[in-house]
Amino acid sequence: LILDSRTITDKVKVQSISEILASSRRNY
């Protein structure tokens, strides 16, 4: 995953992406 950001990562976005990944992994 490449975030459209500079070197400071938006932790809220990373958490949201993590939740999306976890949801997809629960489904499959």
mmCIF file of all heavy atoms, coordinates in Angstrom:
data_MODEL
# 
_entry.id   MODEL 
# 
loop_
_atom_site.group_PDB 
_atom_site.id 
_atom_site.type_symbol 
_atom_site.label_atom_id 
_atom_site.label_alt_id 
_atom_site.label_comp_id 
_atom_site.label_asym_id 
_atom_site.label_entity_id 
_atom_site.label_seq_id 
_atom_site.pdbx_PDB_ins_code 
_atom_site.Cartn_x 
_atom_site.Cartn_y 
_atom_site.Cartn_z 
_atom_site.occupancy 
_atom_site.B_iso_or_equiv 
_atom_site.pdbx_formal_charge 
_atom_site.auth_seq_id 
_atom_site.auth_comp_id 
_atom_site.auth_asym_id 
_atom_site.auth_atom_id 
_atom_site.pdbx_PDB_model_num 
ATOM 1   N N   . LEU A 1 1  ? 0.862   -1.174  0.000  1.00 0.00 ? 1  LEU A N   1 
ATOM 2   C CA  . LEU A 1 1  ? 0.000   0.000   0.000  1.00 0.00 ? 1  LEU A CA  1 
ATOM 3   C C   . LEU A 1 1  ? 0.900   1.226   0.000  1.00 0.00 ? 1  LEU A C   1 
ATOM 4   O O   . LEU A 1 1  ? 1.829   1.312   0.808  1.00 0.00 ? 1  LEU A O   1 
ATOM 5   C CB  . LEU A 1 1  ? -0.892  0.008   1.244  1.00 0.00 ? 1  LEU A CB  1 
ATOM 6   C CG  . LEU A 1 1  ? -1.844  -1.173  1.339  1.00 0.00 ? 1  LEU A CG  1 
ATOM 7   C CD1 . LEU A 1 1  ? -2.028  -1.585  2.777  1.00 0.00 ? 1  LEU A CD1 1 
ATOM 8   C CD2 . LEU A 1 1  ? -3.155  -0.800  0.712  1.00 0.00 ? 1  LEU A CD2 1 
ATOM 9   N N   . ILE A 1 2  ? 0.624   2.141   -0.906 1.00 0.00 ? 2  ILE A N   1 
ATOM 10  C CA  . ILE A 1 2  ? 1.368   3.397   -0.941 1.00 0.00 ? 2  ILE A CA  1 
ATOM 11  C C   . ILE A 1 2  ? 0.392   4.514   -0.591 1.00 0.00 ? 2  ILE A C   1 
ATOM 12  O O   . ILE A 1 2  ? -0.592  4.740   -1.306 1.00 0.00 ? 2  ILE A O   1 
ATOM 13  C CB  . ILE A 1 2  ? 2.006   3.652   -2.319 1.00 0.00 ? 2  ILE A CB  1 
ATOM 14  C CG1 . ILE A 1 2  ? 2.929   2.500   -2.700 1.00 0.00 ? 2  ILE A CG1 1 
ATOM 15  C CG2 . ILE A 1 2  ? 2.754   4.989   -2.309 1.00 0.00 ? 2  ILE A CG2 1 
ATOM 16  C CD1 . ILE A 1 2  ? 3.486   2.594   -4.108 1.00 0.00 ? 2  ILE A CD1 1 
ATOM 17  N N   . LEU A 1 3  ? 0.674   5.183   0.523  1.00 0.00 ? 3  LEU A N   1 
ATOM 18  C CA  . LEU A 1 3  ? -0.169  6.297   0.948  1.00 0.00 ? 3  LEU A CA  1 
ATOM 19  C C   . LEU A 1 3  ? 0.225   7.545   0.182  1.00 0.00 ? 3  LEU A C   1 
ATOM 20  O O   . LEU A 1 3  ? 1.417   7.804   -0.034 1.00 0.00 ? 3  LEU A O   1 
ATOM 21  C CB  . LEU A 1 3  ? -0.016  6.544   2.446  1.00 0.00 ? 3  LEU A CB  1 
ATOM 22  C CG  . LEU A 1 3  ? -0.335  5.366   3.359  1.00 0.00 ? 3  LEU A CG  1 
ATOM 23  C CD1 . LEU A 1 3  ? -0.155  5.783   4.809  1.00 0.00 ? 3  LEU A CD1 1 
ATOM 24  C CD2 . LEU A 1 3  ? -1.737  4.868   3.123  1.00 0.00 ? 3  LEU A CD2 1 
ATOM 25  N N   . ASP A 1 4  ? -0.756  8.315   -0.220 1.00 0.00 ? 4  ASP A N   1 
ATOM 26  C CA  . ASP A 1 4  ? -0.501  9.561   -0.942 1.00 0.00 ? 4  ASP A CA  1 
ATOM 27  C C   . ASP A 1 4  ? -0.181  10.653  0.075  1.00 0.00 ? 4  ASP A C   1 
ATOM 28  O O   . ASP A 1 4  ? -0.986  11.536  0.346  1.00 0.00 ? 4  ASP A O   1 
ATOM 29  C CB  . ASP A 1 4  ? -1.713  9.941   -1.793 1.00 0.00 ? 4  ASP A CB  1 
ATOM 30  C CG  . ASP A 1 4  ? -1.421  11.103  -2.722 1.00 0.00 ? 4  ASP A CG  1 
ATOM 31  O OD1 . ASP A 1 4  ? -0.238  11.338  -3.023 1.00 0.00 ? 4  ASP A OD1 1 
ATOM 32  O OD2 . ASP A 1 4  ? -2.378  11.782  -3.135 1.00 0.00 ? 4  ASP A OD2 1 
ATOM 33  N N   . SER A 1 5  ? 0.998   10.531  0.659  1.00 0.00 ? 5  SER A N   1 
ATOM 34  C CA  . SER A 1 5  ? 1.388   11.477  1.698  1.00 0.00 ? 5  SER A CA  1 
ATOM 35  C C   . SER A 1 5  ? 2.895   11.614  1.720  1.00 0.00 ? 5  SER A C   1 
ATOM 36  O O   . SER A 1 5  ? 3.624   10.869  1.090  1.00 0.00 ? 5  SER A O   1 
ATOM 37  C CB  . SER A 1 5  ? 0.896   11.002  3.064  1.00 0.00 ? 5  SER A CB  1 
ATOM 38  O OG  . SER A 1 5  ? 1.522   9.788   3.420  1.00 0.00 ? 5  SER A OG  1 
ATOM 39  N N   . ARG A 1 6  ? 3.339   12.544  2.505  1.00 0.00 ? 6  ARG A N   1 
ATOM 40  C CA  . ARG A 1 6  ? 4.765   12.705  2.747  1.00 0.00 ? 6  ARG A CA  1 
ATOM 41  C C   . ARG A 1 6  ? 5.169   11.715  3.838  1.00 0.00 ? 6  ARG A C   1 
ATOM 42  O O   . ARG A 1 6  ? 4.445   10.792  4.140  1.00 0.00 ? 6  ARG A O   1 
ATOM 43  C CB  . ARG A 1 6  ? 5.051   14.143  3.142  1.00 0.00 ? 6  ARG A CB  1 
ATOM 44  C CG  . ARG A 1 6  ? 4.752   15.100  1.998  1.00 0.00 ? 6  ARG A CG  1 
ATOM 45  C CD  . ARG A 1 6  ? 5.852   16.105  1.906  1.00 0.00 ? 6  ARG A CD  1 
ATOM 46  N NE  . ARG A 1 6  ? 5.684   16.984  0.778  1.00 0.00 ? 6  ARG A NE  1 
ATOM 47  C CZ  . ARG A 1 6  ? 6.477   16.949  -0.271 1.00 0.00 ? 6  ARG A CZ  1 
ATOM 48  N NH1 . ARG A 1 6  ? 7.437   16.071  -0.359 1.00 0.00 ? 6  ARG A NH1 1 
ATOM 49  N NH2 . ARG A 1 6  ? 6.311   17.803  -1.248 1.00 0.00 ? 6  ARG A NH2 1 
ATOM 50  N N   . THR A 1 7  ? 6.289   11.932  4.446  1.00 0.00 ? 7  THR A N   1 
ATOM 51  C CA  . THR A 1 7  ? 6.828   10.958  5.390  1.00 0.00 ? 7  THR A CA  1 
ATOM 52  C C   . THR A 1 7  ? 6.075   10.884  6.710  1.00 0.00 ? 7  THR A C   1 
ATOM 53  O O   . THR A 1 7  ? 6.279   9.953   7.472  1.00 0.00 ? 7  THR A O   1 
ATOM 54  C CB  . THR A 1 7  ? 8.313   11.250  5.673  1.00 0.00 ? 7  THR A CB  1 
ATOM 55  O OG1 . THR A 1 7  ? 8.438   12.602  6.133  1.00 0.00 ? 7  THR A OG1 1 
ATOM 56  C CG2 . THR A 1 7  ? 9.148   11.057  4.430  1.00 0.00 ? 7  THR A CG2 1 
ATOM 57  N N   . ILE A 1 8  ? 5.214   11.837  6.985  1.00 0.00 ? 8  ILE A N   1 
ATOM 58  C CA  . ILE A 1 8  ? 4.398   11.770  8.197  1.00 0.00 ? 8  ILE A CA  1 
ATOM 59  C C   . ILE A 1 8  ? 3.105   11.044  7.844  1.00 0.00 ? 8  ILE A C   1 
ATOM 60  O O   . ILE A 1 8  ? 2.329   11.493  7.005  1.00 0.00 ? 8  ILE A O   1 
ATOM 61  C CB  . ILE A 1 8  ? 4.108   13.170  8.769  1.00 0.00 ? 8  ILE A CB  1 
ATOM 62  C CG1 . ILE A 1 8  ? 5.425   13.839  9.173  1.00 0.00 ? 8  ILE A CG1 1 
ATOM 63  C CG2 . ILE A 1 8  ? 3.139   13.073  9.940  1.00 0.00 ? 8  ILE A CG2 1 
ATOM 64  C CD1 . ILE A 1 8  ? 5.293   15.266  9.610  1.00 0.00 ? 8  ILE A CD1 1 
ATOM 65  N N   . THR A 1 9  ? 2.889   9.920   8.478  1.00 0.00 ? 9  THR A N   1 
ATOM 66  C CA  . THR A 1 9  ? 1.755   9.065   8.159  1.00 0.00 ? 9  THR A CA  1 
ATOM 67  C C   . THR A 1 9  ? 0.564   9.400   9.042  1.00 0.00 ? 9  THR A C   1 
ATOM 68  O O   . THR A 1 9  ? 0.694   9.537   10.251 1.00 0.00 ? 9  THR A O   1 
ATOM 69  C CB  . THR A 1 9  ? 2.149   7.582   8.358  1.00 0.00 ? 9  THR A CB  1 
ATOM 70  O OG1 . THR A 1 9  ? 3.289   7.311   7.538  1.00 0.00 ? 9  THR A OG1 1 
ATOM 71  C CG2 . THR A 1 9  ? 1.026   6.658   7.981  1.00 0.00 ? 9  THR A CG2 1 
ATOM 72  N N   . ASP A 1 10 ? -0.587  9.517   8.416  1.00 0.00 ? 10 ASP A N   1 
ATOM 73  C CA  . ASP A 1 10 ? -1.840  9.776   9.125  1.00 0.00 ? 10 ASP A CA  1 
ATOM 74  C C   . ASP A 1 10 ? -2.262  8.488   9.848  1.00 0.00 ? 10 ASP A C   1 
ATOM 75  O O   . ASP A 1 10 ? -2.693  7.527   9.220  1.00 0.00 ? 10 ASP A O   1 
ATOM 76  C CB  . ASP A 1 10 ? -2.899  10.209  8.118  1.00 0.00 ? 10 ASP A CB  1 
ATOM 77  C CG  . ASP A 1 10 ? -4.250  10.501  8.727  1.00 0.00 ? 10 ASP A CG  1 
ATOM 78  O OD1 . ASP A 1 10 ? -4.466  10.202  9.921  1.00 0.00 ? 10 ASP A OD1 1 
ATOM 79  O OD2 . ASP A 1 10 ? -5.108  11.029  8.005  1.00 0.00 ? 10 ASP A OD2 1 
ATOM 80  N N   . LYS A 1 11 ? -2.128  8.491   11.165 1.00 0.00 ? 11 LYS A N   1 
ATOM 81  C CA  . LYS A 1 11 ? -2.420  7.282   11.946 1.00 0.00 ? 11 LYS A CA  1 
ATOM 82  C C   . LYS A 1 11 ? -3.884  6.866   11.846 1.00 0.00 ? 11 LYS A C   1 
ATOM 83  O O   . LYS A 1 11 ? -4.192  5.679   11.862 1.00 0.00 ? 11 LYS A O   1 
ATOM 84  C CB  . LYS A 1 11 ? -2.024  7.489   13.403 1.00 0.00 ? 11 LYS A CB  1 
ATOM 85  C CG  . LYS A 1 11 ? -0.530  7.570   13.582 1.00 0.00 ? 11 LYS A CG  1 
ATOM 86  C CD  . LYS A 1 11 ? -0.159  7.778   15.024 1.00 0.00 ? 11 LYS A CD  1 
ATOM 87  C CE  . LYS A 1 11 ? 1.351   7.935   15.129 1.00 0.00 ? 11 LYS A CE  1 
ATOM 88  N NZ  . LYS A 1 11 ? 1.787   8.131   16.490 1.00 0.00 ? 11 LYS A NZ  1 
ATOM 89  N N   . VAL A 1 12 ? -4.779  7.828   11.735 1.00 0.00 ? 12 VAL A N   1 
ATOM 90  C CA  . VAL A 1 12 ? -6.203  7.509   11.597 1.00 0.00 ? 12 VAL A CA  1 
ATOM 91  C C   . VAL A 1 12 ? -6.444  6.762   10.283 1.00 0.00 ? 12 VAL A C   1 
ATOM 92  O O   . VAL A 1 12 ? -7.202  5.791   10.240 1.00 0.00 ? 12 VAL A O   1 
ATOM 93  C CB  . VAL A 1 12 ? -7.063  8.794   11.684 1.00 0.00 ? 12 VAL A CB  1 
ATOM 94  C CG1 . VAL A 1 12 ? -8.516  8.500   11.376 1.00 0.00 ? 12 VAL A CG1 1 
ATOM 95  C CG2 . VAL A 1 12 ? -6.924  9.436   13.060 1.00 0.00 ? 12 VAL A CG2 1 
ATOM 96  N N   . LYS A 1 13 ? -5.770  7.200   9.221  1.00 0.00 ? 13 LYS A N   1 
ATOM 97  C CA  . LYS A 1 13 ? -5.906  6.521   7.927  1.00 0.00 ? 13 LYS A CA  1 
ATOM 98  C C   . LYS A 1 13 ? -5.341  5.101   8.002  1.00 0.00 ? 13 LYS A C   1 
ATOM 99  O O   . LYS A 1 13 ? -5.955  4.154   7.503  1.00 0.00 ? 13 LYS A O   1 
ATOM 100 C CB  . LYS A 1 13 ? -5.193  7.309   6.830  1.00 0.00 ? 13 LYS A CB  1 
ATOM 101 C CG  . LYS A 1 13 ? -5.303  6.653   5.463  1.00 0.00 ? 13 LYS A CG  1 
ATOM 102 C CD  . LYS A 1 13 ? -4.639  7.464   4.389  1.00 0.00 ? 13 LYS A CD  1 
ATOM 103 C CE  . LYS A 1 13 ? -5.658  8.439   3.874  1.00 0.00 ? 13 LYS A CE  1 
ATOM 104 N NZ  . LYS A 1 13 ? -5.246  9.096   2.629  1.00 0.00 ? 13 LYS A NZ  1 
ATOM 105 N N   . VAL A 1 14 ? -4.198  4.953   8.621  1.00 0.00 ? 14 VAL A N   1 
ATOM 106 C CA  . VAL A 1 14 ? -3.595  3.626   8.748  1.00 0.00 ? 14 VAL A CA  1 
ATOM 107 C C   . VAL A 1 14 ? -4.508  2.699   9.550  1.00 0.00 ? 14 VAL A C   1 
ATOM 108 O O   . VAL A 1 14 ? -4.704  1.540   9.183  1.00 0.00 ? 14 VAL A O   1 
ATOM 109 C CB  . VAL A 1 14 ? -2.190  3.712   9.375  1.00 0.00 ? 14 VAL A CB  1 
ATOM 110 C CG1 . VAL A 1 14 ? -1.640  2.322   9.666  1.00 0.00 ? 14 VAL A CG1 1 
ATOM 111 C CG2 . VAL A 1 14 ? -1.242  4.469   8.463  1.00 0.00 ? 14 VAL A CG2 1 
ATOM 112 N N   . GLN A 1 15 ? -5.096  3.209   10.614 1.00 0.00 ? 15 GLN A N   1 
ATOM 113 C CA  . GLN A 1 15 ? -6.034  2.408   11.411 1.00 0.00 ? 15 GLN A CA  1 
ATOM 114 C C   . GLN A 1 15 ? -7.245  1.998   10.578 1.00 0.00 ? 15 GLN A C   1 
ATOM 115 O O   . GLN A 1 15 ? -7.681  0.855   10.623 1.00 0.00 ? 15 GLN A O   1 
ATOM 116 C CB  . GLN A 1 15 ? -6.485  3.180   12.656 1.00 0.00 ? 15 GLN A CB  1 
ATOM 117 C CG  . GLN A 1 15 ? -7.460  2.420   13.521 1.00 0.00 ? 15 GLN A CG  1 
ATOM 118 C CD  . GLN A 1 15 ? -6.877  1.166   14.130 1.00 0.00 ? 15 GLN A CD  1 
ATOM 119 O OE1 . GLN A 1 15 ? -5.716  1.148   14.506 1.00 0.00 ? 15 GLN A OE1 1 
ATOM 120 N NE2 . GLN A 1 15 ? -7.671  0.132   14.235 1.00 0.00 ? 15 GLN A NE2 1 
ATOM 121 N N   . SER A 1 16 ? -7.765  2.914   9.796  1.00 0.00 ? 16 SER A N   1 
ATOM 122 C CA  . SER A 1 16 ? -8.908  2.614   8.937  1.00 0.00 ? 16 SER A CA  1 
ATOM 123 C C   . SER A 1 16 ? -8.555  1.548   7.902  1.00 0.00 ? 16 SER A C   1 
ATOM 124 O O   . SER A 1 16 ? -9.329  0.606   7.672  1.00 0.00 ? 16 SER A O   1 
ATOM 125 C CB  . SER A 1 16 ? -9.385  3.889   8.242  1.00 0.00 ? 16 SER A CB  1 
ATOM 126 O OG  . SER A 1 16 ? -10.404 3.609   7.319  1.00 0.00 ? 16 SER A OG  1 
ATOM 127 N N   . ILE A 1 17 ? -7.393  1.670   7.281  1.00 0.00 ? 17 ILE A N   1 
ATOM 128 C CA  . ILE A 1 17 ? -6.952  0.668   6.305  1.00 0.00 ? 17 ILE A CA  1 
ATOM 129 C C   . ILE A 1 17 ? -6.779  -0.685  6.986  1.00 0.00 ? 17 ILE A C   1 
ATOM 130 O O   . ILE A 1 17 ? -7.157  -1.724  6.439  1.00 0.00 ? 17 ILE A O   1 
ATOM 131 C CB  . ILE A 1 17 ? -5.641  1.117   5.619  1.00 0.00 ? 17 ILE A CB  1 
ATOM 132 C CG1 . ILE A 1 17 ? -5.901  2.351   4.756  1.00 0.00 ? 17 ILE A CG1 1 
ATOM 133 C CG2 . ILE A 1 17 ? -5.040  -0.017  4.786  1.00 0.00 ? 17 ILE A CG2 1 
ATOM 134 C CD1 . ILE A 1 17 ? -4.641  3.040   4.274  1.00 0.00 ? 17 ILE A CD1 1 
ATOM 135 N N   . SER A 1 18 ? -6.256  -0.671  8.189  1.00 0.00 ? 18 SER A N   1 
ATOM 136 C CA  . SER A 1 18 ? -6.097  -1.906  8.960  1.00 0.00 ? 18 SER A CA  1 
ATOM 137 C C   . SER A 1 18 ? -7.445  -2.570  9.222  1.00 0.00 ? 18 SER A C   1 
ATOM 138 O O   . SER A 1 18 ? -7.581  -3.793  9.124  1.00 0.00 ? 18 SER A O   1 
ATOM 139 C CB  . SER A 1 18 ? -5.384  -1.597  10.271 1.00 0.00 ? 18 SER A CB  1 
ATOM 140 O OG  . SER A 1 18 ? -5.305  -2.731  11.082 1.00 0.00 ? 18 SER A OG  1 
ATOM 141 N N   . GLU A 1 19 ? -8.440  -1.766  9.539  1.00 0.00 ? 19 GLU A N   1 
ATOM 142 C CA  . GLU A 1 19 ? -9.787  -2.308  9.784  1.00 0.00 ? 19 GLU A CA  1 
ATOM 143 C C   . GLU A 1 19 ? -10.399 -2.868  8.502  1.00 0.00 ? 19 GLU A C   1 
ATOM 144 O O   . GLU A 1 19 ? -11.084 -3.899  8.535  1.00 0.00 ? 19 GLU A O   1 
ATOM 145 C CB  . GLU A 1 19 ? -10.665 -1.231  10.394 1.00 0.00 ? 19 GLU A CB  1 
ATOM 146 C CG  . GLU A 1 19 ? -10.249 -0.884  11.814 1.00 0.00 ? 19 GLU A CG  1 
ATOM 147 C CD  . GLU A 1 19 ? -10.886 0.392   12.349 1.00 0.00 ? 19 GLU A CD  1 
ATOM 148 O OE1 . GLU A 1 19 ? -11.692 1.032   11.630 1.00 0.00 ? 19 GLU A OE1 1 
ATOM 149 O OE2 . GLU A 1 19 ? -10.563 0.758   13.497 1.00 0.00 ? 19 GLU A OE2 1 
ATOM 150 N N   . ILE A 1 20 ? -10.152 -2.210  7.377  1.00 0.00 ? 20 ILE A N   1 
ATOM 151 C CA  . ILE A 1 20 ? -10.638 -2.721  6.088  1.00 0.00 ? 20 ILE A CA  1 
ATOM 152 C C   . ILE A 1 20 ? -9.973  -4.061  5.778  1.00 0.00 ? 20 ILE A C   1 
ATOM 153 O O   . ILE A 1 20 ? -10.632 -5.016  5.359  1.00 0.00 ? 20 ILE A O   1 
ATOM 154 C CB  . ILE A 1 20 ? -10.379 -1.687  4.966  1.00 0.00 ? 20 ILE A CB  1 
ATOM 155 C CG1 . ILE A 1 20 ? -11.255 -0.459  5.166  1.00 0.00 ? 20 ILE A CG1 1 
ATOM 156 C CG2 . ILE A 1 20 ? -10.613 -2.317  3.587  1.00 0.00 ? 20 ILE A CG2 1 
ATOM 157 C CD1 . ILE A 1 20 ? -10.879 0.724   4.298  1.00 0.00 ? 20 ILE A CD1 1 
ATOM 158 N N   . LEU A 1 21 ? -8.675  -4.139  6.005  1.00 0.00 ? 21 LEU A N   1 
ATOM 159 C CA  . LEU A 1 21 ? -7.947  -5.392  5.782  1.00 0.00 ? 21 LEU A CA  1 
ATOM 160 C C   . LEU A 1 21 ? -8.483  -6.494  6.694  1.00 0.00 ? 21 LEU A C   1 
ATOM 161 O O   . LEU A 1 21 ? -8.728  -7.620  6.244  1.00 0.00 ? 21 LEU A O   1 
ATOM 162 C CB  . LEU A 1 21 ? -6.454  -5.189  6.008  1.00 0.00 ? 21 LEU A CB  1 
ATOM 163 C CG  . LEU A 1 21 ? -5.570  -6.424  5.896  1.00 0.00 ? 21 LEU A CG  1 
ATOM 164 C CD1 . LEU A 1 21 ? -5.684  -7.061  4.515  1.00 0.00 ? 21 LEU A CD1 1 
ATOM 165 C CD2 . LEU A 1 21 ? -4.128  -6.067  6.204  1.00 0.00 ? 21 LEU A CD2 1 
ATOM 166 N N   . ALA A 1 22 ? -8.684  -6.175  7.955  1.00 0.00 ? 22 ALA A N   1 
ATOM 167 C CA  . ALA A 1 22 ? -9.204  -7.175  8.905  1.00 0.00 ? 22 ALA A CA  1 
ATOM 168 C C   . ALA A 1 22 ? -10.593 -7.662  8.486  1.00 0.00 ? 22 ALA A C   1 
ATOM 169 O O   . ALA A 1 22 ? -10.882 -8.859  8.571  1.00 0.00 ? 22 ALA A O   1 
ATOM 170 C CB  . ALA A 1 22 ? -9.239  -6.586  10.308 1.00 0.00 ? 22 ALA A CB  1 
ATOM 171 N N   . SER A 1 23 ? -11.420 -6.749  8.012  1.00 0.00 ? 23 SER A N   1 
ATOM 172 C CA  . SER A 1 23 ? -12.761 -7.128  7.563  1.00 0.00 ? 23 SER A CA  1 
ATOM 173 C C   . SER A 1 23 ? -12.696 -8.071  6.363  1.00 0.00 ? 23 SER A C   1 
ATOM 174 O O   . SER A 1 23 ? -13.390 -9.089  6.322  1.00 0.00 ? 23 SER A O   1 
ATOM 175 C CB  . SER A 1 23 ? -13.555 -5.873  7.200  1.00 0.00 ? 23 SER A CB  1 
ATOM 176 O OG  . SER A 1 23 ? -14.792 -6.207  6.634  1.00 0.00 ? 23 SER A OG  1 
ATOM 177 N N   . SER A 1 24 ? -11.852 -7.735  5.404  1.00 0.00 ? 24 SER A N   1 
ATOM 178 C CA  . SER A 1 24 ? -11.711 -8.601  4.226  1.00 0.00 ? 24 SER A CA  1 
ATOM 179 C C   . SER A 1 24 ? -11.145 -9.963  4.614  1.00 0.00 ? 24 SER A C   1 
ATOM 180 O O   . SER A 1 24 ? -11.548 -10.987 4.070  1.00 0.00 ? 24 SER A O   1 
ATOM 181 C CB  . SER A 1 24 ? -10.798 -7.936  3.190  1.00 0.00 ? 24 SER A CB  1 
ATOM 182 O OG  . SER A 1 24 ? -11.407 -6.776  2.680  1.00 0.00 ? 24 SER A OG  1 
ATOM 183 N N   . ARG A 1 25 ? -10.236 -9.979  5.569  1.00 0.00 ? 25 ARG A N   1 
ATOM 184 C CA  . ARG A 1 25 ? -9.666  -11.256 6.013  1.00 0.00 ? 25 ARG A CA  1 
ATOM 185 C C   . ARG A 1 25 ? -10.687 -12.085 6.771  1.00 0.00 ? 25 ARG A C   1 
ATOM 186 O O   . ARG A 1 25 ? -10.646 -13.310 6.720  1.00 0.00 ? 25 ARG A O   1 
ATOM 187 C CB  . ARG A 1 25 ? -8.421  -11.025 6.864  1.00 0.00 ? 25 ARG A CB  1 
ATOM 188 C CG  . ARG A 1 25 ? -7.296  -10.452 5.993  1.00 0.00 ? 25 ARG A CG  1 
ATOM 189 C CD  . ARG A 1 25 ? -5.914  -10.814 6.388  1.00 0.00 ? 25 ARG A CD  1 
ATOM 190 N NE  . ARG A 1 25 ? -5.717  -12.223 6.563  1.00 0.00 ? 25 ARG A NE  1 
ATOM 191 C CZ  . ARG A 1 25 ? -5.023  -12.727 7.584  1.00 0.00 ? 25 ARG A CZ  1 
ATOM 192 N NH1 . ARG A 1 25 ? -4.497  -11.952 8.492  1.00 0.00 ? 25 ARG A NH1 1 
ATOM 193 N NH2 . ARG A 1 25 ? -4.841  -14.015 7.671  1.00 0.00 ? 25 ARG A NH2 1 
ATOM 194 N N   . ARG A 1 26 ? -11.600 -11.433 7.483  1.00 0.00 ? 26 ARG A N   1 
ATOM 195 C CA  . ARG A 1 26 ? -12.671 -12.191 8.154  1.00 0.00 ? 26 ARG A CA  1 
ATOM 196 C C   . ARG A 1 26 ? -13.588 -12.837 7.122  1.00 0.00 ? 26 ARG A C   1 
ATOM 197 O O   . ARG A 1 26 ? -14.059 -13.963 7.302  1.00 0.00 ? 26 ARG A O   1 
ATOM 198 C CB  . ARG A 1 26 ? -13.487 -11.286 9.075  1.00 0.00 ? 26 ARG A CB  1 
ATOM 199 C CG  . ARG A 1 26 ? -12.892 -11.085 10.440 1.00 0.00 ? 26 ARG A CG  1 
ATOM 200 C CD  . ARG A 1 26 ? -13.861 -10.414 11.410 1.00 0.00 ? 26 ARG A CD  1 
ATOM 201 N NE  . ARG A 1 26 ? -14.271 -9.092  10.975 1.00 0.00 ? 26 ARG A NE  1 
ATOM 202 C CZ  . ARG A 1 26 ? -13.593 -7.966  11.191 1.00 0.00 ? 26 ARG A CZ  1 
ATOM 203 N NH1 . ARG A 1 26 ? -12.430 -8.006  11.815 1.00 0.00 ? 26 ARG A NH1 1 
ATOM 204 N NH2 . ARG A 1 26 ? -14.056 -6.808  10.769 1.00 0.00 ? 26 ARG A NH2 1 
ATOM 205 N N   . ASN A 1 27 ? -13.865 -12.114 6.042  1.00 0.00 ? 27 ASN A N   1 
ATOM 206 C CA  . ASN A 1 27 ? -14.739 -12.641 4.992  1.00 0.00 ? 27 ASN A CA  1 
ATOM 207 C C   . ASN A 1 27 ? -14.074 -13.766 4.209  1.00 0.00 ? 27 ASN A C   1 
ATOM 208 O O   . ASN A 1 27 ? -14.739 -14.716 3.793  1.00 0.00 ? 27 ASN A O   1 
ATOM 209 C CB  . ASN A 1 27 ? -15.151 -11.520 4.037  1.00 0.00 ? 27 ASN A CB  1 
ATOM 210 C CG  . ASN A 1 27 ? -16.019 -10.476 4.703  1.00 0.00 ? 27 ASN A CG  1 
ATOM 211 O OD1 . ASN A 1 27 ? -16.690 -10.743 5.691  1.00 0.00 ? 27 ASN A OD1 1 
ATOM 212 N ND2 . ASN A 1 27 ? -15.995 -9.264  4.165  1.00 0.00 ? 27 ASN A ND2 1 
ATOM 213 N N   . TYR A 1 28 ? -12.786 -13.638 3.973  1.00 0.00 ? 28 TYR A N   1 
ATOM 214 C CA  . TYR A 1 28 ? -12.021 -14.619 3.195  1.00 0.00 ? 28 TYR A CA  1 
ATOM 215 C C   . TYR A 1 28 ? -10.711 -14.815 3.925  1.00 0.00 ? 28 TYR A C   1 
ATOM 216 O O   . TYR A 1 28 ? -9.819  -13.974 3.853  1.00 0.00 ? 28 TYR A O   1 
ATOM 217 C CB  . TYR A 1 28 ? -11.756 -14.096 1.770  1.00 0.00 ? 28 TYR A CB  1 
ATOM 218 C CG  . TYR A 1 28 ? -13.016 -13.667 1.079  1.00 0.00 ? 28 TYR A CG  1 
ATOM 219 C CD1 . TYR A 1 28 ? -13.390 -12.324 1.056  1.00 0.00 ? 28 TYR A CD1 1 
ATOM 220 C CD2 . TYR A 1 28 ? -13.850 -14.592 0.474  1.00 0.00 ? 28 TYR A CD2 1 
ATOM 221 C CE1 . TYR A 1 28 ? -14.565 -11.922 0.439  1.00 0.00 ? 28 TYR A CE1 1 
ATOM 222 C CE2 . TYR A 1 28 ? -15.020 -14.204 -0.139 1.00 0.00 ? 28 TYR A CE2 1 
ATOM 223 C CZ  . TYR A 1 28 ? -15.374 -12.857 -0.152 1.00 0.00 ? 28 TYR A CZ  1 
ATOM 224 O OH  . TYR A 1 28 ? -16.533 -12.460 -0.757 1.00 0.00 ? 28 TYR A OH  1 
# 
